[in-house]
Amino acid sequence: MATWLRVIVVNRAINHSNERRVASDEIVTDIPDSRAIVNIESALRAGRYAKALTESLAQAFQTLTARERLMLLWRYEDNLQLGEIAKLLGIHQSNVTRQLLRLQARLRETVIQALASQHHLVSSAIQECLSDITENPHLSISLSDLMKDTPKLVSATQAVPSPKPACCRIARAR
């Protein structure tokens, strides 16, 4: 009986202490929460730039060939190593690296041009958009889904690598 009574008294003391602390936290409303301000700014930027970024990225992906789409999907969705991609394409690993770097630079330039010409953004806003793509947790654009869903503007006669194992998911890029 004494143990039970001790547990009851200790729990009531803890609850009373917690109630006083919550009440004192509610009283102090003058202290700004810096994380809340950053989160609000991030959410506003994401809402401001999401449509422009999505449209610009879709336009950039329209310029990709089937081979370029495959390379990007294999590398960034399937997480294949550069050597594995090189084997699938029948080229040297250093060529894969160079092609991916050129492809990424071309995509970046296409997105920048679309943001400037079609959405009339100044260079500082474009830089903010580009940093938001990678750093803003409130801006969620699935590049692989966008790339797979964007219609291609390339001709059907362009070379497409021969079918590879199912793990490579070639069907998604067609």
N, C-alpha and C. Protein backbone atom coordinates (compact mmCIF):
# COMPACT_ATOMS: atom_id res chain seq x y z
N MET A 1 0.82 -1.19 0.00
CA MET A 1 0.00 0.00 0.00
C MET A 1 0.87 1.26 0.00
N ALA A 2 1.96 1.26 0.71
CA ALA A 2 2.85 2.41 0.79
C ALA A 2 3.48 2.67 -0.57
N THR A 3 3.87 1.62 -1.30
CA THR A 3 4.47 1.77 -2.63
C THR A 3 3.46 2.37 -3.61
N TRP A 4 2.25 1.88 -3.54
CA TRP A 4 1.20 2.40 -4.41
C TRP A 4 0.96 3.88 -4.13
N LEU A 5 0.89 4.26 -2.88
CA LEU A 5 0.65 5.65 -2.50
C LEU A 5 1.83 6.53 -2.94
N ARG A 6 3.06 6.02 -2.81
CA ARG A 6 4.24 6.76 -3.24
C ARG A 6 4.20 7.02 -4.75
N VAL A 7 3.80 6.01 -5.56
CA VAL A 7 3.72 6.16 -7.01
C VAL A 7 2.66 7.21 -7.37
N ILE A 8 1.53 7.19 -6.69
CA ILE A 8 0.47 8.17 -6.95
C ILE A 8 0.97 9.58 -6.66
N VAL A 9 1.62 9.77 -5.53
CA VAL A 9 2.10 11.11 -5.15
C VAL A 9 3.17 11.59 -6.12
N VAL A 10 4.10 10.72 -6.51
CA VAL A 10 5.16 11.11 -7.45
C VAL A 10 4.57 11.48 -8.81
N ASN A 11 3.61 10.69 -9.30
CA ASN A 11 2.98 11.00 -10.59
C ASN A 11 2.24 12.34 -10.55
N ARG A 12 1.55 12.60 -9.44
CA ARG A 12 0.85 13.88 -9.33
C ARG A 12 1.84 15.04 -9.29
N ALA A 13 2.95 14.86 -8.64
CA ALA A 13 3.98 15.91 -8.58
C ALA A 13 4.56 16.16 -9.98
N ILE A 14 4.80 15.09 -10.71
CA ILE A 14 5.33 15.24 -12.08
C ILE A 14 4.30 15.93 -12.97
N ASN A 15 3.05 15.53 -12.89
CA ASN A 15 1.99 16.15 -13.69
C ASN A 15 1.84 17.64 -13.36
N HIS A 16 1.91 17.98 -12.05
CA HIS A 16 1.79 19.37 -11.63
C HIS A 16 2.96 20.19 -12.19
N SER A 17 4.16 19.61 -12.14
CA SER A 17 5.35 20.29 -12.68
C SER A 17 5.21 20.53 -14.18
N ASN A 18 4.72 19.52 -14.89
CA ASN A 18 4.53 19.65 -16.35
C ASN A 18 3.49 20.70 -16.68
N GLU A 19 2.42 20.77 -15.91
CA GLU A 19 1.37 21.76 -16.15
C GLU A 19 1.90 23.17 -15.96
N ARG A 20 2.74 23.39 -14.96
CA ARG A 20 3.30 24.71 -14.73
C ARG A 20 4.25 25.10 -15.85
N ARG A 21 5.03 24.13 -16.34
CA ARG A 21 5.98 24.42 -17.42
C ARG A 21 5.25 24.76 -18.71
N VAL A 22 4.17 24.02 -19.02
CA VAL A 22 3.38 24.30 -20.22
C VAL A 22 2.74 25.68 -20.10
N ALA A 23 2.23 26.00 -18.93
CA ALA A 23 1.61 27.31 -18.73
C ALA A 23 2.64 28.42 -18.90
N SER A 24 3.86 28.23 -18.41
CA SER A 24 4.88 29.27 -18.56
C SER A 24 5.35 29.37 -20.00
N ASP A 25 5.35 28.29 -20.74
CA ASP A 25 5.71 28.33 -22.16
C ASP A 25 4.66 29.08 -22.96
N GLU A 26 3.41 28.94 -22.59
CA GLU A 26 2.34 29.63 -23.29
C GLU A 26 2.38 31.13 -23.03
N ILE A 27 2.86 31.53 -21.88
CA ILE A 27 2.92 32.95 -21.53
C ILE A 27 3.97 33.66 -22.36
N VAL A 28 5.10 33.02 -22.60
CA VAL A 28 6.21 33.64 -23.33
C VAL A 28 5.96 33.48 -24.83
N THR A 29 5.32 34.46 -25.43
CA THR A 29 5.04 34.41 -26.87
C THR A 29 5.87 35.43 -27.63
N ASP A 30 6.68 36.20 -26.93
CA ASP A 30 7.47 37.24 -27.58
C ASP A 30 8.67 36.66 -28.34
N ILE A 31 9.11 35.48 -27.95
CA ILE A 31 10.33 34.91 -28.53
C ILE A 31 9.98 34.30 -29.89
N PRO A 32 10.58 34.82 -30.96
CA PRO A 32 10.26 34.27 -32.28
C PRO A 32 10.95 32.92 -32.48
N ASP A 33 10.26 32.05 -33.18
CA ASP A 33 10.82 30.75 -33.52
C ASP A 33 11.47 30.87 -34.89
N SER A 34 12.80 30.89 -34.91
CA SER A 34 13.52 31.13 -36.17
C SER A 34 13.27 30.02 -37.19
N ARG A 35 13.09 28.79 -36.72
CA ARG A 35 12.80 27.70 -37.65
C ARG A 35 11.45 27.90 -38.32
N ALA A 36 10.48 28.42 -37.60
CA ALA A 36 9.16 28.65 -38.17
C ALA A 36 9.24 29.69 -39.28
N ILE A 37 10.03 30.73 -39.07
CA ILE A 37 10.19 31.77 -40.09
C ILE A 37 10.84 31.19 -41.34
N VAL A 38 11.87 30.37 -41.17
CA VAL A 38 12.54 29.75 -42.31
C VAL A 38 11.58 28.80 -43.03
N ASN A 39 10.80 28.04 -42.29
CA ASN A 39 9.83 27.13 -42.91
C ASN A 39 8.76 27.88 -43.69
N ILE A 40 8.30 29.00 -43.16
CA ILE A 40 7.29 29.80 -43.86
C ILE A 40 7.88 30.35 -45.16
N GLU A 41 9.11 30.86 -45.09
CA GLU A 41 9.76 31.40 -46.29
C GLU A 41 9.97 30.30 -47.33
N SER A 42 10.38 29.12 -46.90
CA SER A 42 10.59 28.00 -47.83
C SER A 42 9.28 27.59 -48.49
N ALA A 43 8.22 27.54 -47.72
CA ALA A 43 6.92 27.16 -48.28
C ALA A 43 6.42 28.21 -49.27
N LEU A 44 6.65 29.47 -48.97
CA LEU A 44 6.24 30.53 -49.90
C LEU A 44 7.04 30.46 -51.21
N ARG A 45 8.36 30.25 -51.10
CA ARG A 45 9.19 30.13 -52.31
C ARG A 45 8.77 28.92 -53.13
N ALA A 46 8.48 27.82 -52.46
CA ALA A 46 8.06 26.60 -53.18
C ALA A 46 6.76 26.87 -53.93
N GLY A 47 5.83 27.55 -53.31
CA GLY A 47 4.58 27.87 -53.98
C GLY A 47 4.76 28.85 -55.12
N ARG A 48 5.71 29.76 -54.96
CA ARG A 48 5.94 30.79 -55.98
C ARG A 48 6.60 30.21 -57.23
N TYR A 49 7.51 29.26 -57.06
CA TYR A 49 8.32 28.78 -58.17
C TYR A 49 7.97 27.38 -58.68
N ALA A 50 7.11 26.67 -58.00
CA ALA A 50 6.85 25.27 -58.36
C ALA A 50 6.35 25.13 -59.80
N LYS A 51 5.38 25.92 -60.19
CA LYS A 51 4.82 25.80 -61.54
C LYS A 51 5.86 26.15 -62.60
N ALA A 52 6.58 27.23 -62.40
CA ALA A 52 7.60 27.65 -63.38
C ALA A 52 8.70 26.61 -63.50
N LEU A 53 9.13 26.05 -62.37
CA LEU A 53 10.17 25.03 -62.41
C LEU A 53 9.70 23.76 -63.09
N THR A 54 8.50 23.32 -62.76
CA THR A 54 7.96 22.11 -63.36
C THR A 54 7.82 22.25 -64.87
N GLU A 55 7.29 23.38 -65.32
CA GLU A 55 7.14 23.60 -66.76
C GLU A 55 8.50 23.70 -67.45
N SER A 56 9.45 24.37 -66.84
CA SER A 56 10.78 24.51 -67.44
C SER A 56 11.50 23.18 -67.50
N LEU A 57 11.39 22.38 -66.46
CA LEU A 57 12.01 21.06 -66.47
C LEU A 57 11.36 20.16 -67.51
N ALA A 58 10.04 20.22 -67.62
CA ALA A 58 9.35 19.41 -68.62
C ALA A 58 9.80 19.79 -70.02
N GLN A 59 9.96 21.08 -70.26
CA GLN A 59 10.44 21.53 -71.56
C GLN A 59 11.86 21.05 -71.81
N ALA A 60 12.70 21.07 -70.80
CA ALA A 60 14.07 20.60 -70.96
C ALA A 60 14.11 19.10 -71.25
N PHE A 61 13.26 18.34 -70.59
CA PHE A 61 13.23 16.89 -70.80
C PHE A 61 12.69 16.52 -72.17
N GLN A 62 11.91 17.40 -72.79
CA GLN A 62 11.40 17.13 -74.12
C GLN A 62 12.53 17.07 -75.15
N THR A 63 13.63 17.72 -74.86
CA THR A 63 14.74 17.76 -75.81
C THR A 63 15.64 16.53 -75.72
N LEU A 64 15.42 15.67 -74.74
CA LEU A 64 16.29 14.51 -74.55
C LEU A 64 15.97 13.39 -75.55
N THR A 65 17.02 12.70 -75.94
CA THR A 65 16.83 11.51 -76.76
C THR A 65 16.51 10.34 -75.83
N ALA A 66 16.08 9.25 -76.41
CA ALA A 66 15.77 8.06 -75.61
C ALA A 66 17.02 7.57 -74.88
N ARG A 67 18.15 7.63 -75.53
CA ARG A 67 19.41 7.19 -74.90
C ARG A 67 19.75 8.08 -73.70
N GLU A 68 19.57 9.38 -73.84
CA GLU A 68 19.87 10.29 -72.74
C GLU A 68 18.93 10.05 -71.56
N ARG A 69 17.67 9.80 -71.87
CA ARG A 69 16.71 9.48 -70.80
C ARG A 69 17.12 8.20 -70.07
N LEU A 70 17.51 7.20 -70.85
CA LEU A 70 17.94 5.95 -70.25
C LEU A 70 19.14 6.16 -69.33
N MET A 71 20.10 6.93 -69.81
CA MET A 71 21.29 7.19 -68.99
C MET A 71 20.91 7.84 -67.67
N LEU A 72 20.05 8.84 -67.72
CA LEU A 72 19.63 9.52 -66.50
C LEU A 72 18.84 8.59 -65.58
N LEU A 73 17.93 7.81 -66.16
CA LEU A 73 17.15 6.88 -65.34
C LEU A 73 18.04 5.82 -64.71
N TRP A 74 18.95 5.26 -65.50
CA TRP A 74 19.83 4.23 -64.95
C TRP A 74 20.68 4.79 -63.83
N ARG A 75 21.21 5.99 -64.02
CA ARG A 75 22.12 6.57 -63.04
C ARG A 75 21.40 7.04 -61.78
N TYR A 76 20.30 7.77 -61.95
CA TYR A 76 19.71 8.44 -60.80
C TYR A 76 18.46 7.77 -60.24
N GLU A 77 17.82 6.90 -60.98
CA GLU A 77 16.69 6.18 -60.42
C GLU A 77 17.09 4.76 -60.04
N ASP A 78 17.77 4.09 -60.95
CA ASP A 78 18.18 2.71 -60.67
C ASP A 78 19.50 2.65 -59.91
N ASN A 79 20.16 3.79 -59.75
CA ASN A 79 21.43 3.90 -59.01
C ASN A 79 22.51 2.97 -59.56
N LEU A 80 22.55 2.82 -60.88
CA LEU A 80 23.60 2.01 -61.47
C LEU A 80 24.92 2.76 -61.43
N GLN A 81 26.00 2.01 -61.26
CA GLN A 81 27.33 2.60 -61.28
C GLN A 81 27.69 2.98 -62.72
N LEU A 82 28.63 3.89 -62.86
CA LEU A 82 29.04 4.34 -64.20
C LEU A 82 29.55 3.19 -65.04
N GLY A 83 30.26 2.25 -64.42
CA GLY A 83 30.77 1.09 -65.14
C GLY A 83 29.65 0.21 -65.67
N GLU A 84 28.58 0.07 -64.89
CA GLU A 84 27.44 -0.73 -65.33
C GLU A 84 26.73 -0.09 -66.52
N ILE A 85 26.59 1.24 -66.46
CA ILE A 85 25.97 1.95 -67.57
C ILE A 85 26.84 1.83 -68.81
N ALA A 86 28.14 1.92 -68.64
CA ALA A 86 29.06 1.80 -69.77
C ALA A 86 28.92 0.43 -70.43
N LYS A 87 28.80 -0.62 -69.63
CA LYS A 87 28.63 -1.96 -70.20
C LYS A 87 27.32 -2.07 -70.97
N LEU A 88 26.25 -1.50 -70.40
CA LEU A 88 24.94 -1.56 -71.07
C LEU A 88 24.95 -0.81 -72.40
N LEU A 89 25.70 0.28 -72.46
CA LEU A 89 25.74 1.08 -73.68
C LEU A 89 26.87 0.68 -74.62
N GLY A 90 27.78 -0.15 -74.13
CA GLY A 90 28.90 -0.59 -74.95
C GLY A 90 29.94 0.50 -75.18
N ILE A 91 30.12 1.37 -74.18
CA ILE A 91 31.11 2.43 -74.29
C ILE A 91 31.99 2.41 -73.05
N HIS A 92 33.04 3.22 -73.06
CA HIS A 92 33.95 3.28 -71.92
C HIS A 92 33.31 4.10 -70.79
N GLN A 93 33.68 3.79 -69.57
CA GLN A 93 33.11 4.46 -68.39
C GLN A 93 33.37 5.97 -68.42
N SER A 94 34.54 6.39 -68.90
CA SER A 94 34.83 7.82 -68.95
C SER A 94 33.89 8.54 -69.92
N ASN A 95 33.46 7.85 -70.96
CA ASN A 95 32.49 8.45 -71.89
C ASN A 95 31.14 8.67 -71.20
N VAL A 96 30.74 7.74 -70.35
CA VAL A 96 29.49 7.90 -69.61
C VAL A 96 29.58 9.14 -68.73
N THR A 97 30.70 9.30 -68.03
CA THR A 97 30.89 10.46 -67.16
C THR A 97 30.79 11.75 -67.95
N ARG A 98 31.52 11.82 -69.07
CA ARG A 98 31.50 13.03 -69.89
C ARG A 98 30.11 13.31 -70.45
N GLN A 99 29.44 12.27 -70.92
CA GLN A 99 28.11 12.46 -71.49
C GLN A 99 27.11 12.94 -70.43
N LEU A 100 27.19 12.38 -69.23
CA LEU A 100 26.29 12.82 -68.16
C LEU A 100 26.56 14.27 -67.76
N LEU A 101 27.83 14.65 -67.70
CA LEU A 101 28.16 16.03 -67.35
C LEU A 101 27.66 17.01 -68.41
N ARG A 102 27.85 16.67 -69.69
CA ARG A 102 27.36 17.53 -70.77
C ARG A 102 25.84 17.59 -70.75
N LEU A 103 25.20 16.46 -70.49
CA LEU A 103 23.75 16.39 -70.45
C LEU A 103 23.19 17.25 -69.31
N GLN A 104 23.81 17.16 -68.15
CA GLN A 104 23.36 17.96 -67.01
C GLN A 104 23.54 19.45 -67.28
N ALA A 105 24.65 19.82 -67.90
CA ALA A 105 24.89 21.23 -68.23
C ALA A 105 23.86 21.72 -69.24
N ARG A 106 23.56 20.90 -70.25
CA ARG A 106 22.58 21.27 -71.26
C ARG A 106 21.19 21.43 -70.64
N LEU A 107 20.81 20.49 -69.75
CA LEU A 107 19.51 20.59 -69.07
C LEU A 107 19.43 21.87 -68.23
N ARG A 108 20.50 22.17 -67.52
CA ARG A 108 20.54 23.38 -66.69
C ARG A 108 20.35 24.63 -67.54
N GLU A 109 21.05 24.70 -68.66
CA GLU A 109 20.93 25.86 -69.54
C GLU A 109 19.53 25.97 -70.13
N THR A 110 18.95 24.85 -70.50
CA THR A 110 17.59 24.86 -71.06
C THR A 110 16.58 25.35 -70.02
N VAL A 111 16.74 24.90 -68.79
CA VAL A 111 15.85 25.33 -67.71
C VAL A 111 16.02 26.83 -67.46
N ILE A 112 17.26 27.30 -67.43
CA ILE A 112 17.52 28.72 -67.19
C ILE A 112 16.90 29.56 -68.31
N GLN A 113 17.08 29.13 -69.54
CA GLN A 113 16.50 29.87 -70.67
C GLN A 113 14.97 29.90 -70.59
N ALA A 114 14.36 28.78 -70.23
CA ALA A 114 12.90 28.74 -70.12
C ALA A 114 12.40 29.63 -68.99
N LEU A 115 13.11 29.63 -67.86
CA LEU A 115 12.70 30.48 -66.74
C LEU A 115 12.80 31.95 -67.12
N ALA A 116 13.83 32.29 -67.87
CA ALA A 116 14.02 33.69 -68.26
C ALA A 116 13.04 34.11 -69.35
N SER A 117 12.92 33.30 -70.39
CA SER A 117 12.12 33.73 -71.54
C SER A 117 10.62 33.53 -71.35
N GLN A 118 10.21 32.42 -70.83
CA GLN A 118 8.79 32.13 -70.72
C GLN A 118 8.16 32.60 -69.41
N HIS A 119 8.95 32.62 -68.35
CA HIS A 119 8.39 33.00 -67.05
C HIS A 119 8.89 34.37 -66.61
N HIS A 120 9.74 35.00 -67.43
CA HIS A 120 10.21 36.36 -67.22
C HIS A 120 10.85 36.58 -65.85
N LEU A 121 11.67 35.62 -65.43
CA LEU A 121 12.37 35.74 -64.16
C LEU A 121 13.74 36.38 -64.37
N VAL A 122 14.14 37.22 -63.43
CA VAL A 122 15.46 37.83 -63.47
C VAL A 122 16.48 36.83 -62.94
N SER A 123 17.76 37.13 -63.15
CA SER A 123 18.80 36.15 -62.79
C SER A 123 18.80 35.79 -61.31
N SER A 124 18.52 36.74 -60.42
CA SER A 124 18.51 36.42 -58.99
C SER A 124 17.36 35.45 -58.66
N ALA A 125 16.21 35.63 -59.30
CA ALA A 125 15.08 34.72 -59.08
C ALA A 125 15.38 33.35 -59.67
N ILE A 126 16.08 33.33 -60.80
CA ILE A 126 16.45 32.04 -61.41
C ILE A 126 17.40 31.29 -60.49
N GLN A 127 18.37 31.99 -59.92
CA GLN A 127 19.30 31.34 -58.99
C GLN A 127 18.58 30.82 -57.76
N GLU A 128 17.59 31.57 -57.29
CA GLU A 128 16.78 31.13 -56.16
C GLU A 128 16.00 29.87 -56.53
N CYS A 129 15.45 29.84 -57.74
CA CYS A 129 14.73 28.64 -58.23
C CYS A 129 15.66 27.44 -58.25
N LEU A 130 16.84 27.62 -58.82
CA LEU A 130 17.77 26.51 -58.95
C LEU A 130 18.24 26.00 -57.59
N SER A 131 18.43 26.89 -56.65
CA SER A 131 18.82 26.42 -55.31
C SER A 131 17.64 25.74 -54.62
N ASP A 132 16.42 26.21 -54.90
CA ASP A 132 15.24 25.58 -54.32
C ASP A 132 15.06 24.14 -54.79
N ILE A 133 15.45 23.86 -56.02
CA ILE A 133 15.30 22.50 -56.53
C ILE A 133 16.01 21.50 -55.62
N THR A 134 17.18 21.87 -55.15
CA THR A 134 17.98 20.93 -54.36
C THR A 134 17.85 21.11 -52.86
N GLU A 135 17.54 22.31 -52.40
CA GLU A 135 17.62 22.58 -50.96
C GLU A 135 16.29 22.76 -50.25
N ASN A 136 15.23 23.07 -50.96
CA ASN A 136 13.96 23.40 -50.31
C ASN A 136 13.15 22.13 -50.06
N PRO A 137 12.92 21.78 -48.79
CA PRO A 137 12.16 20.56 -48.49
C PRO A 137 10.67 20.69 -48.85
N HIS A 138 10.19 21.90 -49.04
CA HIS A 138 8.78 22.10 -49.38
C HIS A 138 8.53 21.98 -50.88
N LEU A 139 9.59 22.01 -51.68
CA LEU A 139 9.46 21.90 -53.13
C LEU A 139 9.77 20.47 -53.53
N SER A 140 8.77 19.77 -53.98
CA SER A 140 8.94 18.36 -54.31
C SER A 140 8.56 18.13 -55.77
N ILE A 141 9.59 18.01 -56.61
CA ILE A 141 9.38 17.69 -58.01
C ILE A 141 10.16 16.42 -58.29
N SER A 142 9.46 15.36 -58.65
CA SER A 142 10.13 14.11 -58.97
C SER A 142 10.65 14.20 -60.40
N LEU A 143 11.97 14.35 -60.51
CA LEU A 143 12.56 14.51 -61.83
C LEU A 143 12.41 13.25 -62.67
N SER A 144 12.54 12.09 -62.06
CA SER A 144 12.41 10.86 -62.85
C SER A 144 10.97 10.68 -63.33
N ASP A 145 9.98 10.99 -62.48
CA ASP A 145 8.58 10.90 -62.92
C ASP A 145 8.29 11.93 -64.00
N LEU A 146 8.81 13.14 -63.83
CA LEU A 146 8.59 14.19 -64.82
C LEU A 146 9.23 13.81 -66.15
N MET A 147 10.42 13.22 -66.08
CA MET A 147 11.12 12.83 -67.30
C MET A 147 10.38 11.70 -68.01
N LYS A 148 9.85 10.76 -67.25
CA LYS A 148 9.13 9.63 -67.84
C LYS A 148 7.78 10.06 -68.41
N ASP A 149 7.14 11.06 -67.80
CA ASP A 149 5.81 11.48 -68.22
C ASP A 149 5.82 12.53 -69.32
N THR A 150 6.97 13.17 -69.56
CA THR A 150 7.06 14.23 -70.56
C THR A 150 7.13 13.62 -71.95
N PRO A 151 6.28 14.08 -72.86
CA PRO A 151 6.34 13.55 -74.23
C PRO A 151 7.65 13.95 -74.88
N LYS A 152 8.14 13.06 -75.73
CA LYS A 152 9.42 13.29 -76.38
C LYS A 152 9.21 14.02 -77.70
N LEU A 153 10.14 14.91 -78.02
CA LEU A 153 10.09 15.61 -79.29
C LEU A 153 11.10 15.03 -80.27
N VAL A 154 11.76 13.93 -79.89
CA VAL A 154 12.78 13.34 -80.75
C VAL A 154 12.13 12.44 -81.78
N SER A 155 12.82 12.22 -82.89
CA SER A 155 12.25 11.38 -83.95
C SER A 155 12.38 9.90 -83.58
N ALA A 156 11.55 9.10 -84.16
CA ALA A 156 11.54 7.66 -83.87
C ALA A 156 12.72 6.95 -84.50
N THR A 157 13.44 7.61 -85.41
CA THR A 157 14.55 6.95 -86.08
C THR A 157 15.85 7.06 -85.30
N GLN A 158 15.85 7.79 -84.18
CA GLN A 158 17.08 7.92 -83.41
C GLN A 158 17.40 6.59 -82.74
N ALA A 159 18.70 6.36 -82.59
CA ALA A 159 19.16 5.07 -82.06
C ALA A 159 18.77 4.92 -80.60
N VAL A 160 18.22 3.76 -80.30
CA VAL A 160 17.90 3.38 -78.93
C VAL A 160 18.69 2.13 -78.64
N PRO A 161 19.35 2.04 -77.48
CA PRO A 161 20.13 0.85 -77.17
C PRO A 161 19.28 -0.41 -77.22
N SER A 162 19.94 -1.51 -77.50
CA SER A 162 19.23 -2.79 -77.55
C SER A 162 18.68 -3.14 -76.19
N PRO A 163 17.60 -3.94 -76.14
CA PRO A 163 16.99 -4.29 -74.86
C PRO A 163 18.00 -4.94 -73.92
N LYS A 164 17.92 -4.57 -72.66
CA LYS A 164 18.81 -5.07 -71.62
C LYS A 164 17.99 -5.80 -70.56
N PRO A 165 18.65 -6.32 -69.54
CA PRO A 165 17.94 -7.05 -68.49
C PRO A 165 16.82 -6.22 -67.85
N ALA A 166 15.87 -6.92 -67.27
CA ALA A 166 14.69 -6.26 -66.68
C ALA A 166 15.07 -5.27 -65.60
N CYS A 167 16.20 -5.48 -64.94
CA CYS A 167 16.59 -4.58 -63.86
C CYS A 167 16.84 -3.17 -64.37
N CYS A 168 17.05 -3.03 -65.65
CA CYS A 168 17.38 -1.72 -66.22
C CYS A 168 16.14 -0.90 -66.52
N ARG A 169 15.00 -1.52 -66.55
CA ARG A 169 13.71 -0.83 -66.71
C ARG A 169 13.66 0.02 -67.98
N ILE A 170 14.01 -0.55 -69.09
CA ILE A 170 14.02 0.16 -70.34
C ILE A 170 12.62 0.62 -70.74
N ALA A 171 11.65 -0.18 -70.41
CA ALA A 171 10.27 0.13 -70.82
C ALA A 171 9.83 1.50 -70.34
N ARG A 172 10.34 1.98 -69.21
CA ARG A 172 9.94 3.27 -68.67
C ARG A 172 10.37 4.42 -69.57
N ALA A 173 11.49 4.29 -70.24
CA ALA A 173 12.00 5.39 -71.02
C ALA A 173 11.38 5.46 -72.40
N ARG A 174 10.67 4.45 -72.83
CA ARG A 174 10.09 4.45 -74.18
C ARG A 174 8.79 5.17 -74.23
